[in-house]
Amino acid sequence: VQLVESGGGLVQAGGSLRLSCAASGRTFSSYAMGWFRQAPGKEREFVAAIGRSGGRTNYADSVKGRFTISRDNAKNTVYLQMNSLKPEDTAVYYCAAVYFSGSYAPPKEYEYAYWGQGTQVTVSS
């Protein structure tokens, strides 16, 4: 599986961005998907995850109520809608995938097998 993120950029605090992650292959609906981020000088951290059917999601406490993960299996794409952005949301955002037979939405980095190259999100104050 190859993953390509897009949609990053520079936005003012309080603004919104929508990230997209396009996946290759014909079995996208068999993969749980996740978003992670890494700020300068910090470790990569979990942001959100979604099960293969979209019926189950997980969020980091820091983004609950502001970010929404969704997927369109017909388009092989997962999205991260980010609202009410804060300067502390500034990071490189990575999309990740793992083949999974159930509805689980993995929150741990080590659970994922495939990663995108990342897209930069910068929130100015």
PDB file of N, CA and C in Angstrom:
ATOM      1  N   VAL A   1       0.843  -1.196   0.000  1.00  0.00           N
ATOM      2  CA  VAL A   1       0.000   0.000   0.000  1.00  0.00           C
ATOM      3  C   VAL A   1       0.877   1.244   0.000  1.00  0.00           C
ATOM      4  N   GLN A   2       0.596   2.149  -0.914  1.00  0.00           N
ATOM      5  CA  GLN A   2       1.302   3.437  -0.933  1.00  0.00           C
ATOM      6  C   GLN A   2       0.327   4.527  -0.511  1.00  0.00           C
ATOM      7  N   LEU A   3       0.809   5.417   0.337  1.00  0.00           N
ATOM      8  CA  LEU A   3      -0.033   6.470   0.894  1.00  0.00           C
ATOM      9  C   LEU A   3       0.541   7.834   0.532  1.00  0.00           C
ATOM     10  N   VAL A   4      -0.315   8.732   0.071  1.00  0.00           N
ATOM     11  CA  VAL A   4       0.128  10.072  -0.300  1.00  0.00           C
ATOM     12  C   VAL A   4      -0.788  11.089   0.363  1.00  0.00           C
ATOM     13  N   GLU A   5      -0.203  11.887   1.262  1.00  0.00           N
ATOM     14  CA  GLU A   5      -0.964  12.925   1.947  1.00  0.00           C
ATOM     15  C   GLU A   5      -0.970  14.216   1.157  1.00  0.00           C
ATOM     16  N   SER A   6      -1.997  15.003   1.370  1.00  0.00           N
ATOM     17  CA  SER A   6      -2.086  16.338   0.771  1.00  0.00           C
ATOM     18  C   SER A   6      -2.994  17.196   1.641  1.00  0.00           C
ATOM     19  N   GLY A   7      -2.972  18.502   1.374  1.00  0.00           N
ATOM     20  CA  GLY A   7      -3.876  19.408   2.071  1.00  0.00           C
ATOM     21  C   GLY A   7      -3.247  20.233   3.176  1.00  0.00           C
ATOM     22  N   GLY A   8      -1.964  19.987   3.464  1.00  0.00           N
ATOM     23  CA  GLY A   8      -1.311  20.775   4.484  1.00  0.00           C
ATOM     24  C   GLY A   8      -1.074  22.207   4.022  1.00  0.00           C
ATOM     25  N   GLY A   9      -0.644  23.049   4.950  1.00  0.00           N
ATOM     26  CA  GLY A   9      -0.374  24.431   4.597  1.00  0.00           C
ATOM     27  C   GLY A   9      -0.272  25.310   5.818  1.00  0.00           C
ATOM     28  N   LEU A  10      -0.319  26.614   5.587  1.00  0.00           N
ATOM     29  CA  LEU A  10      -0.237  27.612   6.641  1.00  0.00           C
ATOM     30  C   LEU A  10      -1.621  28.192   6.881  1.00  0.00           C
ATOM     31  N   VAL A  11      -2.023  28.228   8.152  1.00  0.00           N
ATOM     32  CA  VAL A  11      -3.339  28.741   8.503  1.00  0.00           C
ATOM     33  C   VAL A  11      -3.222  29.501   9.818  1.00  0.00           C
ATOM     34  N   GLN A  12      -4.094  30.478   9.994  1.00  0.00           N
ATOM     35  CA  GLN A  12      -4.101  31.215  11.251  1.00  0.00           C
ATOM     36  C   GLN A  12      -4.816  30.432  12.338  1.00  0.00           C
ATOM     37  N   ALA A  13      -4.468  30.716  13.563  1.00  0.00           N
ATOM     38  CA  ALA A  13      -5.151  30.086  14.692  1.00  0.00           C
ATOM     39  C   ALA A  13      -6.651  30.329  14.583  1.00  0.00           C
ATOM     40  N   GLY A  14      -7.412  29.276  14.866  1.00  0.00           N
ATOM     41  CA  GLY A  14      -8.858  29.335  14.742  1.00  0.00           C
ATOM     42  C   GLY A  14      -9.370  28.899  13.387  1.00  0.00           C
ATOM     43  N   GLY A  15      -8.466  28.740  12.448  1.00  0.00           N
ATOM     44  CA  GLY A  15      -8.851  28.341  11.099  1.00  0.00           C
ATOM     45  C   GLY A  15      -9.015  26.838  10.949  1.00  0.00           C
ATOM     46  N   SER A  16      -9.246  26.416   9.703  1.00  0.00           N
ATOM     47  CA  SER A  16      -9.495  25.004   9.400  1.00  0.00           C
ATOM     48  C   SER A  16      -8.653  24.546   8.217  1.00  0.00           C
ATOM     49  N   LEU A  17      -8.369  23.277   8.212  1.00  0.00           N
ATOM     50  CA  LEU A  17      -7.726  22.604   7.076  1.00  0.00           C
ATOM     51  C   LEU A  17      -8.312  21.211   6.974  1.00  0.00           C
ATOM     52  N   ARG A  18      -8.316  20.675   5.758  1.00  0.00           N
ATOM     53  CA  ARG A  18      -8.677  19.278   5.583  1.00  0.00           C
ATOM     54  C   ARG A  18      -7.531  18.547   4.906  1.00  0.00           C
ATOM     55  N   LEU A  19      -7.011  17.557   5.584  1.00  0.00           N
ATOM     56  CA  LEU A  19      -5.969  16.712   5.020  1.00  0.00           C
ATOM     57  C   LEU A  19      -6.609  15.521   4.330  1.00  0.00           C
ATOM     58  N   SER A  20      -5.968  15.097   3.255  1.00  0.00           N
ATOM     59  CA  SER A  20      -6.401  13.901   2.535  1.00  0.00           C
ATOM     60  C   SER A  20      -5.232  12.933   2.449  1.00  0.00           C
ATOM     61  N   CYS A  21      -5.562  11.664   2.410  1.00  0.00           N
ATOM     62  CA  CYS A  21      -4.551  10.626   2.226  1.00  0.00           C
ATOM     63  C   CYS A  21      -5.098   9.641   1.211  1.00  0.00           C
ATOM     64  N   ALA A  22      -4.474   9.607   0.052  1.00  0.00           N
ATOM     65  CA  ALA A  22      -4.900   8.715  -1.014  1.00  0.00           C
ATOM     66  C   ALA A  22      -4.062   7.443  -0.964  1.00  0.00           C
ATOM     67  N   ALA A  23      -4.737   6.305  -1.016  1.00  0.00           N
ATOM     68  CA  ALA A  23      -4.061   5.013  -0.934  1.00  0.00           C
ATOM     69  C   ALA A  23      -4.134   4.279  -2.261  1.00  0.00           C
ATOM     70  N   SER A  24      -3.072   3.573  -2.584  1.00  0.00           N
ATOM     71  CA  SER A  24      -3.067   2.744  -3.789  1.00  0.00           C
ATOM     72  C   SER A  24      -3.654   1.382  -3.452  1.00  0.00           C
ATOM     73  N   GLY A  25      -3.968   0.623  -4.455  1.00  0.00           N
ATOM     74  CA  GLY A  25      -4.443  -0.732  -4.241  1.00  0.00           C
ATOM     75  C   GLY A  25      -5.951  -0.858  -4.268  1.00  0.00           C
ATOM     76  N   ARG A  26      -6.416  -2.109  -4.384  1.00  0.00           N
ATOM     77  CA  ARG A  26      -7.846  -2.347  -4.516  1.00  0.00           C
ATOM     78  C   ARG A  26      -8.491  -2.879  -3.246  1.00  0.00           C
ATOM     79  N   THR A  27      -7.726  -2.952  -2.147  1.00  0.00           N
ATOM     80  CA  THR A  27      -8.282  -3.501  -0.906  1.00  0.00           C
ATOM     81  C   THR A  27      -8.293  -2.464   0.197  1.00  0.00           C
ATOM     82  N   PHE A  28      -8.450  -1.203  -0.174  1.00  0.00           N
ATOM     83  CA  PHE A  28      -8.414  -0.123   0.822  1.00  0.00           C
ATOM     84  C   PHE A  28      -9.415  -0.361   1.937  1.00  0.00           C
ATOM     85  N   SER A  29     -10.557  -0.915   1.625  1.00  0.00           N
ATOM     86  CA  SER A  29     -11.596  -1.127   2.633  1.00  0.00           C
ATOM     87  C   SER A  29     -11.223  -2.180   3.668  1.00  0.00           C
ATOM     88  N   SER A  30     -10.113  -2.871   3.460  1.00  0.00           N
ATOM     89  CA  SER A  30      -9.637  -3.867   4.427  1.00  0.00           C
ATOM     90  C   SER A  30      -8.610  -3.298   5.399  1.00  0.00           C
ATOM     91  N   TYR A  31      -8.317  -2.016   5.266  1.00  0.00           N
ATOM     92  CA  TYR A  31      -7.281  -1.384   6.075  1.00  0.00           C
ATOM     93  C   TYR A  31      -7.875  -0.405   7.077  1.00  0.00           C
ATOM     94  N   ALA A  32      -7.422  -0.540   8.323  1.00  0.00           N
ATOM     95  CA  ALA A  32      -7.654   0.537   9.287  1.00  0.00           C
ATOM     96  C   ALA A  32      -6.673   1.654   8.966  1.00  0.00           C
ATOM     97  N   MET A  33      -7.104   2.895   9.180  1.00  0.00           N
ATOM     98  CA  MET A  33      -6.290   4.051   8.822  1.00  0.00           C
ATOM     99  C   MET A  33      -6.097   4.965  10.019  1.00  0.00           C
ATOM    100  N   GLY A  34      -4.949   5.611  10.051  1.00  0.00           N
ATOM    101  CA  GLY A  34      -4.681   6.519  11.159  1.00  0.00           C
ATOM    102  C   GLY A  34      -3.947   7.760  10.705  1.00  0.00           C
ATOM    103  N   TRP A  35      -4.034   8.788  11.537  1.00  0.00           N
ATOM    104  CA  TRP A  35      -3.258  10.010  11.352  1.00  0.00           C
ATOM    105  C   TRP A  35      -2.382  10.208  12.593  1.00  0.00           C
ATOM    106  N   PHE A  36      -1.138  10.539  12.354  1.00  0.00           N
ATOM    107  CA  PHE A  36      -0.189  10.847  13.403  1.00  0.00           C
ATOM    108  C   PHE A  36       0.466  12.180  13.062  1.00  0.00           C
ATOM    109  N   ARG A  37       1.123  12.776  14.036  1.00  0.00           N
ATOM    110  CA  ARG A  37       1.831  14.031  13.764  1.00  0.00           C
ATOM    111  C   ARG A  37       3.122  14.089  14.571  1.00  0.00           C
ATOM    112  N   GLN A  38       4.065  14.863  14.025  1.00  0.00           N
ATOM    113  CA  GLN A  38       5.343  15.050  14.706  1.00  0.00           C
ATOM    114  C   GLN A  38       5.736  16.513  14.620  1.00  0.00           C
ATOM    115  N   ALA A  39       5.822  17.125  15.791  1.00  0.00           N
ATOM    116  CA  ALA A  39       6.259  18.512  15.888  1.00  0.00           C
ATOM    117  C   ALA A  39       7.779  18.553  16.029  1.00  0.00           C
ATOM    118  N   PRO A  40       8.411  19.661  15.686  1.00  0.00           N
ATOM    119  CA  PRO A  40       9.866  19.760  15.808  1.00  0.00           C
ATOM    120  C   PRO A  40      10.346  19.456  17.224  1.00  0.00           C
ATOM    121  N   GLY A  41      11.315  18.561  17.307  1.00  0.00           N
ATOM    122  CA  GLY A  41      11.889  18.220  18.602  1.00  0.00           C
ATOM    123  C   GLY A  41      11.050  17.294  19.455  1.00  0.00           C
ATOM    124  N   LYS A  42       9.953  16.811  18.905  1.00  0.00           N
ATOM    125  CA  LYS A  42       9.070  15.924  19.667  1.00  0.00           C
ATOM    126  C   LYS A  42       8.904  14.597  18.956  1.00  0.00           C
ATOM    127  N   GLU A  43       8.437  13.608  19.700  1.00  0.00           N
ATOM    128  CA  GLU A  43       8.165  12.303  19.121  1.00  0.00           C
ATOM    129  C   GLU A  43       6.848  12.349  18.349  1.00  0.00           C
ATOM    130  N   ARG A  44       6.738  11.424  17.422  1.00  0.00           N
ATOM    131  CA  ARG A  44       5.493  11.313  16.670  1.00  0.00           C
ATOM    132  C   ARG A  44       4.383  10.857  17.614  1.00  0.00           C
ATOM    133  N   GLU A  45       3.201  11.454  17.452  1.00  0.00           N
ATOM    134  CA  GLU A  45       2.092  11.130  18.345  1.00  0.00           C
ATOM    135  C   GLU A  45       0.820  10.834  17.565  1.00  0.00           C
ATOM    136  N   PHE A  46      -0.027  10.060  18.184  1.00  0.00           N
ATOM    137  CA  PHE A  46      -1.308   9.677  17.607  1.00  0.00           C
ATOM    138  C   PHE A  46      -2.258  10.869  17.555  1.00  0.00           C
ATOM    139  N   VAL A  47      -3.007  10.972  16.459  1.00  0.00           N
ATOM    140  CA  VAL A  47      -4.009  12.018  16.313  1.00  0.00           C
ATOM    141  C   VAL A  47      -5.416  11.402  16.230  1.00  0.00           C
ATOM    142  N   ALA A  48      -5.612  10.506  15.268  1.00  0.00           N
ATOM    143  CA  ALA A  48      -6.938   9.917  15.058  1.00  0.00           C
ATOM    144  C   ALA A  48      -6.807   8.635  14.252  1.00  0.00           C
ATOM    145  N   ALA A  49      -7.801   7.759  14.391  1.00  0.00           N
ATOM    146  CA  ALA A  49      -7.819   6.515  13.631  1.00  0.00           C
ATOM    147  C   ALA A  49      -9.253   6.154  13.295  1.00  0.00           C
ATOM    148  N   ILE A  50      -9.398   5.350  12.247  1.00  0.00           N
ATOM    149  CA  ILE A  50     -10.727   4.934  11.811  1.00  0.00           C
ATOM    150  C   ILE A  50     -10.668   3.484  11.360  1.00  0.00           C
ATOM    151  N   GLY A  51     -11.684   2.720  11.741  1.00  0.00           N
ATOM    152  CA  GLY A  51     -11.757   1.333  11.326  1.00  0.00           C
ATOM    153  C   GLY A  51     -12.056   1.212   9.850  1.00  0.00           C
ATOM    154  N   ARG A  52     -11.964  -0.010   9.346  1.00  0.00           N
ATOM    155  CA  ARG A  52     -11.998  -0.190   7.901  1.00  0.00           C
ATOM    156  C   ARG A  52     -13.346   0.187   7.289  1.00  0.00           C
ATOM    157  N   SER A  53     -14.431   0.064   8.046  1.00  0.00           N
ATOM    158  CA  SER A  53     -15.742   0.434   7.512  1.00  0.00           C
ATOM    159  C   SER A  53     -16.119   1.869   7.836  1.00  0.00           C
ATOM    160  N   GLY A  54     -15.317   2.502   8.679  1.00  0.00           N
ATOM    161  CA  GLY A  54     -15.625   3.865   9.092  1.00  0.00           C
ATOM    162  C   GLY A  54     -16.538   3.950  10.301  1.00  0.00           C
ATOM    163  N   GLY A  55     -16.970   2.804  10.807  1.00  0.00           N
ATOM    164  CA  GLY A  55     -17.913   2.815  11.907  1.00  0.00           C
ATOM    165  C   GLY A  55     -17.292   3.041  13.268  1.00  0.00           C
ATOM    166  N   ARG A  56     -15.990   2.930  13.364  1.00  0.00           N
ATOM    167  CA  ARG A  56     -15.316   3.082  14.641  1.00  0.00           C
ATOM    168  C   ARG A  56     -14.155   4.058  14.493  1.00  0.00           C
ATOM    169  N   THR A  57     -14.056   4.994  15.443  1.00  0.00           N
ATOM    170  CA  THR A  57     -12.992   5.987  15.401  1.00  0.00           C
ATOM    171  C   THR A  57     -12.358   6.134  16.783  1.00  0.00           C
ATOM    172  N   ASN A  58     -11.135   6.651  16.764  1.00  0.00           N
ATOM    173  CA  ASN A  58     -10.406   6.975  17.989  1.00  0.00           C
ATOM    174  C   ASN A  58      -9.769   8.338  17.795  1.00  0.00           C
ATOM    175  N   TYR A  59      -9.685   9.110  18.878  1.00  0.00           N
ATOM    176  CA  TYR A  59      -9.058  10.415  18.814  1.00  0.00           C
ATOM    177  C   TYR A  59      -8.147  10.624  20.021  1.00  0.00           C
ATOM    178  N   ALA A  60      -7.084  11.359  19.799  1.00  0.00           N
ATOM    179  CA  ALA A  60      -6.277  11.835  20.921  1.00  0.00           C
ATOM    180  C   ALA A  60      -7.086  12.877  21.679  1.00  0.00           C
ATOM    181  N   ASP A  61      -6.884  12.925  22.976  1.00  0.00           N
ATOM    182  CA  ASP A  61      -7.637  13.878  23.797  1.00  0.00           C
ATOM    183  C   ASP A  61      -7.416  15.318  23.330  1.00  0.00           C
ATOM    184  N   SER A  62      -6.223  15.586  22.831  1.00  0.00           N
ATOM    185  CA  SER A  62      -5.872  16.956  22.454  1.00  0.00           C
ATOM    186  C   SER A  62      -6.634  17.462  21.227  1.00  0.00           C
ATOM    187  N   VAL A  63      -7.252  16.543  20.467  1.00  0.00           N
ATOM    188  CA  VAL A  63      -7.958  16.970  19.252  1.00  0.00           C
ATOM    189  C   VAL A  63      -9.450  16.648  19.283  1.00  0.00           C
ATOM    190  N   LYS A  64      -9.897  15.980  20.317  1.00  0.00           N
ATOM    191  CA  LYS A  64     -11.321  15.630  20.406  1.00  0.00           C
ATOM    192  C   LYS A  64     -12.189  16.883  20.349  1.00  0.00           C
ATOM    193  N   GLY A  65     -13.224  16.808  19.533  1.00  0.00           N
ATOM    194  CA  GLY A  65     -14.128  17.938  19.390  1.00  0.00           C
ATOM    195  C   GLY A  65     -13.680  18.959  18.361  1.00  0.00           C
ATOM    196  N   ARG A  66     -12.444  18.844  17.896  1.00  0.00           N
ATOM    197  CA  ARG A  66     -11.920  19.785  16.890  1.00  0.00           C
ATOM    198  C   ARG A  66     -11.602  19.090  15.567  1.00  0.00           C
ATOM    199  N   PHE A  67     -11.119  17.863  15.631  1.00  0.00           N
ATOM    200  CA  PHE A  67     -10.731  17.121  14.432  1.00  0.00           C
ATOM    201  C   PHE A  67     -11.728  15.996  14.184  1.00  0.00           C
ATOM    202  N   THR A  68     -11.931  15.689  12.912  1.00  0.00           N
ATOM    203  CA  THR A  68     -12.807  14.581  12.527  1.00  0.00           C
ATOM    204  C   THR A  68     -12.127  13.749  11.449  1.00  0.00           C
ATOM    205  N   ILE A  69     -12.021  12.461  11.702  1.00  0.00           N
ATOM    206  CA  ILE A  69     -11.472  11.547  10.704  1.00  0.00           C
ATOM    207  C   ILE A  69     -12.630  10.875   9.976  1.00  0.00           C
ATOM    208  N   SER A  70     -12.460  10.699   8.679  1.00  0.00           N
ATOM    209  CA  SER A  70     -13.488  10.022   7.886  1.00  0.00           C
ATOM    210  C   SER A  70     -12.800   9.321   6.718  1.00  0.00           C
ATOM    211  N   ARG A  71     -13.535   8.493   6.019  1.00  0.00           N
ATOM    212  CA  ARG A  71     -12.953   7.785   4.886  1.00  0.00           C
ATOM    213  C   ARG A  71     -14.009   7.589   3.813  1.00  0.00           C
ATOM    214  N   ASP A  72     -13.531   7.500   2.593  1.00  0.00           N
ATOM    215  CA  ASP A  72     -14.371   7.188   1.445  1.00  0.00           C
ATOM    216  C   ASP A  72     -13.734   5.988   0.767  1.00  0.00           C
ATOM    217  N   ASN A  73     -14.273   4.810   1.020  1.00  0.00           N
ATOM    218  CA  ASN A  73     -13.656   3.597   0.485  1.00  0.00           C
ATOM    219  C   ASN A  73     -13.767   3.511  -1.045  1.00  0.00           C
ATOM    220  N   ALA A  74     -14.749   4.168  -1.603  1.00  0.00           N
ATOM    221  CA  ALA A  74     -14.879   4.169  -3.054  1.00  0.00           C
ATOM    222  C   ALA A  74     -13.771   4.987  -3.712  1.00  0.00           C
ATOM    223  N   LYS A  75     -13.214   5.944  -2.956  1.00  0.00           N
ATOM    224  CA  LYS A  75     -12.149   6.797  -3.482  1.00  0.00           C
ATOM    225  C   LYS A  75     -10.782   6.444  -2.911  1.00  0.00           C
ATOM    226  N   ASN A  76     -10.719   5.383  -2.105  1.00  0.00           N
ATOM    227  CA  ASN A  76      -9.446   4.982  -1.486  1.00  0.00           C
ATOM    228  C   ASN A  76      -8.789   6.140  -0.737  1.00  0.00           C
ATOM    229  N   THR A  77      -9.588   6.896  -0.017  1.00  0.00           N
ATOM    230  CA  THR A  77      -9.078   8.105   0.617  1.00  0.00           C
ATOM    231  C   THR A  77      -9.582   8.223   2.055  1.00  0.00           C
ATOM    232  N   VAL A  78      -8.693   8.666   2.923  1.00  0.00           N
ATOM    233  CA  VAL A  78      -9.056   8.993   4.296  1.00  0.00           C
ATOM    234  C   VAL A  78      -8.794  10.484   4.496  1.00  0.00           C
ATOM    235  N   TYR A  79      -9.634  11.109   5.297  1.00  0.00           N
ATOM    236  CA  TYR A  79      -9.565  12.546   5.503  1.00  0.00           C
ATOM    237  C   TYR A  79      -9.374  12.875   6.981  1.00  0.00           C
ATOM    238  N   LEU A  80      -8.811  14.039   7.221  1.00  0.00           N
ATOM    239  CA  LEU A  80      -8.745  14.583   8.570  1.00  0.00           C
ATOM    240  C   LEU A  80      -9.184  16.041   8.488  1.00  0.00           C
ATOM    241  N   GLN A  81     -10.400  16.299   8.946  1.00  0.00           N
ATOM    242  CA  GLN A  81     -10.906  17.661   9.007  1.00  0.00           C
ATOM    243  C   GLN A  81     -10.459  18.277  10.317  1.00  0.00           C
ATOM    244  N   MET A  82      -9.734  19.379  10.220  1.00  0.00           N
ATOM    245  CA  MET A  82      -9.167  20.018  11.406  1.00  0.00           C
ATOM    246  C   MET A  82      -9.767  21.411  11.551  1.00  0.00           C
ATOM    247  N   ASN A  83     -10.507  21.616  12.620  1.00  0.00           N
ATOM    248  CA  ASN A  83     -11.129  22.902  12.898  1.00  0.00           C
ATOM    249  C   ASN A  83     -10.546  23.498  14.170  1.00  0.00           C
ATOM    250  N   SER A  84     -10.788  24.789  14.362  1.00  0.00           N
ATOM    251  CA  SER A  84     -10.310  25.492  15.561  1.00  0.00           C
ATOM    252  C   SER A  84      -8.836  25.202  15.818  1.00  0.00           C
ATOM    253  N   LEU A  85      -8.056  25.336  14.780  1.00  0.00           N
ATOM    254  CA  LEU A  85      -6.628  25.001  14.882  1.00  0.00           C
ATOM    255  C   LEU A  85      -5.901  25.922  15.843  1.00  0.00           C
ATOM    256  N   LYS A  86      -4.917  25.343  16.520  1.00  0.00           N
ATOM    257  CA  LYS A  86      -4.105  26.048  17.496  1.00  0.00           C
ATOM    258  C   LYS A  86      -2.640  25.994  17.068  1.00  0.00           C
ATOM    259  N   PRO A  87      -1.831  26.943  17.521  1.00  0.00           N
ATOM    260  CA  PRO A  87      -0.400  26.881  17.176  1.00  0.00           C
ATOM    261  C   PRO A  87       0.243  25.553  17.571  1.00  0.00           C
ATOM    262  N   GLU A  88      -0.226  24.946  18.648  1.00  0.00           N
ATOM    263  CA  GLU A  88       0.351  23.671  19.076  1.00  0.00           C
ATOM    264  C   GLU A  88      -0.026  22.506  18.171  1.00  0.00           C
ATOM    265  N   ASP A  89      -0.893  22.733  17.206  1.00  0.00           N
ATOM    266  CA  ASP A  89      -1.202  21.709  16.205  1.00  0.00           C
ATOM    267  C   ASP A  89      -0.160  21.695  15.080  1.00  0.00           C
ATOM    268  N   THR A  90       0.752  22.651  15.093  1.00  0.00           N
ATOM    269  CA  THR A  90       1.799  22.710  14.073  1.00  0.00           C
ATOM    270  C   THR A  90       2.665  21.456  14.123  1.00  0.00           C
ATOM    271  N   ALA A  91       2.765  20.779  12.988  1.00  0.00           N
ATOM    272  CA  ALA A  91       3.503  19.519  12.922  1.00  0.00           C
ATOM    273  C   ALA A  91       3.480  19.008  11.488  1.00  0.00           C
ATOM    274  N   VAL A  92       4.284  17.983  11.259  1.00  0.00           N
ATOM    275  CA  VAL A  92       4.140  17.192  10.033  1.00  0.00           C
ATOM    276  C   VAL A  92       3.120  16.098  10.336  1.00  0.00           C
ATOM    277  N   TYR A  93       2.117  15.997   9.500  1.00  0.00           N
ATOM    278  CA  TYR A  93       1.048  15.022   9.697  1.00  0.00           C
ATOM    279  C   TYR A  93       1.258  13.836   8.753  1.00  0.00           C
ATOM    280  N   TYR A  94       1.188  12.643   9.346  1.00  0.00           N
ATOM    281  CA  TYR A  94       1.417  11.417   8.598  1.00  0.00           C
ATOM    282  C   TYR A  94       0.162  10.555   8.575  1.00  0.00           C
ATOM    283  N   CYS A  95      -0.074   9.963   7.435  1.00  0.00           N
ATOM    284  CA  CYS A  95      -1.135   8.989   7.278  1.00  0.00           C
ATOM    285  C   CYS A  95      -0.526   7.591   7.426  1.00  0.00           C
ATOM    286  N   ALA A  96      -1.272   6.667   8.018  1.00  0.00           N
ATOM    287  CA  ALA A  96      -0.775   5.308   8.215  1.00  0.00           C
ATOM    288  C   ALA A  96      -1.889   4.301   7.968  1.00  0.00           C
ATOM    289  N   ALA A  97      -1.478   3.081   7.613  1.00  0.00           N
ATOM    290  CA  ALA A  97      -2.454   2.040   7.296  1.00  0.00           C
ATOM    291  C   ALA A  97      -1.999   0.700   7.838  1.00  0.00           C
ATOM    292  N   VAL A  98      -2.977  -0.129   8.187  1.00  0.00           N
ATOM    293  CA  VAL A  98      -2.680  -1.493   8.598  1.00  0.00           C
ATOM    294  C   VAL A  98      -3.836  -2.380   8.149  1.00  0.00           C
ATOM    295  N   TYR A  99      -3.474  -3.545   7.603  1.00  0.00           N
ATOM    296  CA  TYR A  99      -4.491  -4.510   7.189  1.00  0.00           C
ATOM    297  C   TYR A  99      -5.096  -5.109   8.445  1.00  0.00           C
ATOM    298  N   PHE A 100      -6.419  -5.054   8.522  1.00  0.00           N
ATOM    299  CA  PHE A 100      -7.071  -5.531   9.746  1.00  0.00           C
ATOM    300  C   PHE A 100      -8.445  -6.067   9.416  1.00  0.00           C
ATOM    301  N   SER A 101      -8.759  -7.237   9.955  1.00  0.00           N
ATOM    302  CA  SER A 101     -10.014  -7.887   9.600  1.00  0.00           C
ATOM    303  C   SER A 101     -11.209  -7.384  10.393  1.00  0.00           C
ATOM    304  N   GLY A 102     -10.968  -6.713  11.489  1.00  0.00           N
ATOM    305  CA  GLY A 102     -12.071  -6.249  12.323  1.00  0.00           C
ATOM    306  C   GLY A 102     -12.349  -4.779  12.164  1.00  0.00           C
ATOM    307  N   SER A 103     -13.077  -4.223  13.101  1.00  0.00           N
ATOM    308  CA  SER A 103     -13.486  -2.819  13.032  1.00  0.00           C
ATOM    309  C   SER A 103     -12.602  -1.907  13.882  1.00  0.00           C
ATOM    310  N   TYR A 104     -11.569  -2.461  14.448  1.00  0.00           N
ATOM    311  CA  TYR A 104     -10.675  -1.738  15.358  1.00  0.00           C
ATOM    312  C   TYR A 104     -10.032  -0.539  14.665  1.00  0.00           C
ATOM    313  N   ALA A 105      -9.863   0.529  15.440  1.00  0.00           N
ATOM    314  CA  ALA A 105      -9.186   1.738  14.952  1.00  0.00           C
ATOM    315  C   ALA A 105      -7.939   1.930  15.800  1.00  0.00           C
ATOM    316  N   PRO A 106      -6.795   1.410  15.370  1.00  0.00           N
ATOM    317  CA  PRO A 106      -5.596   1.366  16.209  1.00  0.00           C
ATOM    318  C   PRO A 106      -5.062   2.734  16.587  1.00  0.00           C
ATOM    319  N   PRO A 107      -4.755   2.964  17.865  1.00  0.00           N
ATOM    320  CA  PRO A 107      -4.199   4.242  18.297  1.00  0.00           C
ATOM    321  C   PRO A 107      -2.686   4.254  18.491  1.00  0.00           C
ATOM    322  N   LYS A 108      -2.025   3.104  18.292  1.00  0.00           N
ATOM    323  CA  LYS A 108      -0.600   3.006  18.575  1.00  0.00           C
ATOM    324  C   LYS A 108       0.210   2.983  17.292  1.00  0.00           C
ATOM    325  N   GLU A 109       1.315   3.722  17.298  1.00  0.00           N
ATOM    326  CA  GLU A 109       2.164   3.821  16.117  1.00  0.00           C
ATOM    327  C   GLU A 109       2.669   2.458  15.672  1.00  0.00           C
ATOM    328  N   TYR A 110       3.042   1.597  16.607  1.00  0.00           N
ATOM    329  CA  TYR A 110       3.645   0.311  16.244  1.00  0.00           C
ATOM    330  C   TYR A 110       2.638  -0.637  15.586  1.00  0.00           C
ATOM    331  N   GLU A 111       1.366  -0.302  15.658  1.00  0.00           N
ATOM    332  CA  GLU A 111       0.343  -1.164  15.065  1.00  0.00           C
ATOM    333  C   GLU A 111       0.226  -0.979  13.554  1.00  0.00           C
ATOM    334  N   TYR A 112       0.842   0.063  13.026  1.00  0.00           N
ATOM    335  CA  TYR A 112       0.692   0.387  11.615  1.00  0.00           C
ATOM    336  C   TYR A 112       1.870  -0.116  10.788  1.00  0.00           C
ATOM    337  N   ALA A 113       1.550  -0.585   9.580  1.00  0.00           N
ATOM    338  CA  ALA A 113       2.572  -1.173   8.717  1.00  0.00           C
ATOM    339  C   ALA A 113       3.014  -0.247   7.579  1.00  0.00           C
ATOM    340  N   TYR A 114       2.142   0.661   7.184  1.00  0.00           N
ATOM    341  CA  TYR A 114       2.438   1.503   6.024  1.00  0.00           C
ATOM    342  C   TYR A 114       2.288   2.965   6.415  1.00  0.00           C
ATOM    343  N   TRP A 115       3.193   3.798   5.854  1.00  0.00           N
ATOM    344  CA  TRP A 115       3.216   5.214   6.208  1.00  0.00           C
ATOM    345  C   TRP A 115       3.375   6.075   4.964  1.00  0.00           C
ATOM    346  N   GLY A 116       2.756   7.248   4.998  1.00  0.00           N
ATOM    347  CA  GLY A 116       2.966   8.231   3.955  1.00  0.00           C
ATOM    348  C   GLY A 116       4.188   9.077   4.262  1.00  0.00           C
ATOM    349  N   GLN A 117       4.460  10.027   3.379  1.00  0.00           N
ATOM    350  CA  GLN A 117       5.653  10.850   3.514  1.00  0.00           C
ATOM    351  C   GLN A 117       5.429  12.074   4.397  1.00  0.00           C
ATOM    352  N   GLY A 118       4.182  12.367   4.694  1.00  0.00           N
ATOM    353  CA  GLY A 118       3.870  13.481   5.585  1.00  0.00           C
ATOM    354  C   GLY A 118       3.535  14.756   4.850  1.00  0.00           C
ATOM    355  N   THR A 119       2.747  15.596   5.502  1.00  0.00           N
ATOM    356  CA  THR A 119       2.407  16.917   4.970  1.00  0.00           C
ATOM    357  C   THR A 119       2.477  17.914   6.116  1.00  0.00           C
ATOM    358  N   GLN A 120       3.069  19.066   5.839  1.00  0.00           N
ATOM    359  CA  GLN A 120       3.311  20.064   6.886  1.00  0.00           C
ATOM    360  C   GLN A 120       2.055  20.884   7.145  1.00  0.00           C
ATOM    361  N   VAL A 121       1.735  21.036   8.423  1.00  0.00           N
ATOM    362  CA  VAL A 121       0.669  21.934   8.845  1.00  0.00           C
ATOM    363  C   VAL A 121       1.288  22.951   9.799  1.00  0.00           C
ATOM    364  N   THR A 122       1.119  24.213   9.478  1.00  0.00           N
ATOM    365  CA  THR A 122       1.650  25.284  10.312  1.00  0.00           C
ATOM    366  C   THR A 122       0.516  26.217  10.702  1.00  0.00           C
ATOM    367  N   VAL A 123       0.350  26.414  12.013  1.00  0.00           N
ATOM    368  CA  VAL A 123      -0.705  27.275  12.523  1.00  0.00           C
ATOM    369  C   VAL A 123      -0.055  28.484  13.171  1.00  0.00           C
ATOM    370  N   SER A 124      -0.338  29.645  12.640  1.00  0.00           N
ATOM    371  CA  SER A 124       0.259  30.868  13.173  1.00  0.00           C
ATOM    372  C   SER A 124      -0.654  31.493  14.222  1.00  0.00           C
ATOM    373  N   SER A 125      -0.044  32.138  15.183  1.00  0.00           N
ATOM    374  CA  SER A 125      -0.821  32.747  16.278  1.00  0.00           C
ATOM    375  C   SER A 125      -1.213  34.184  15.946  1.00  0.00           C
TER     376      SER A 125
END
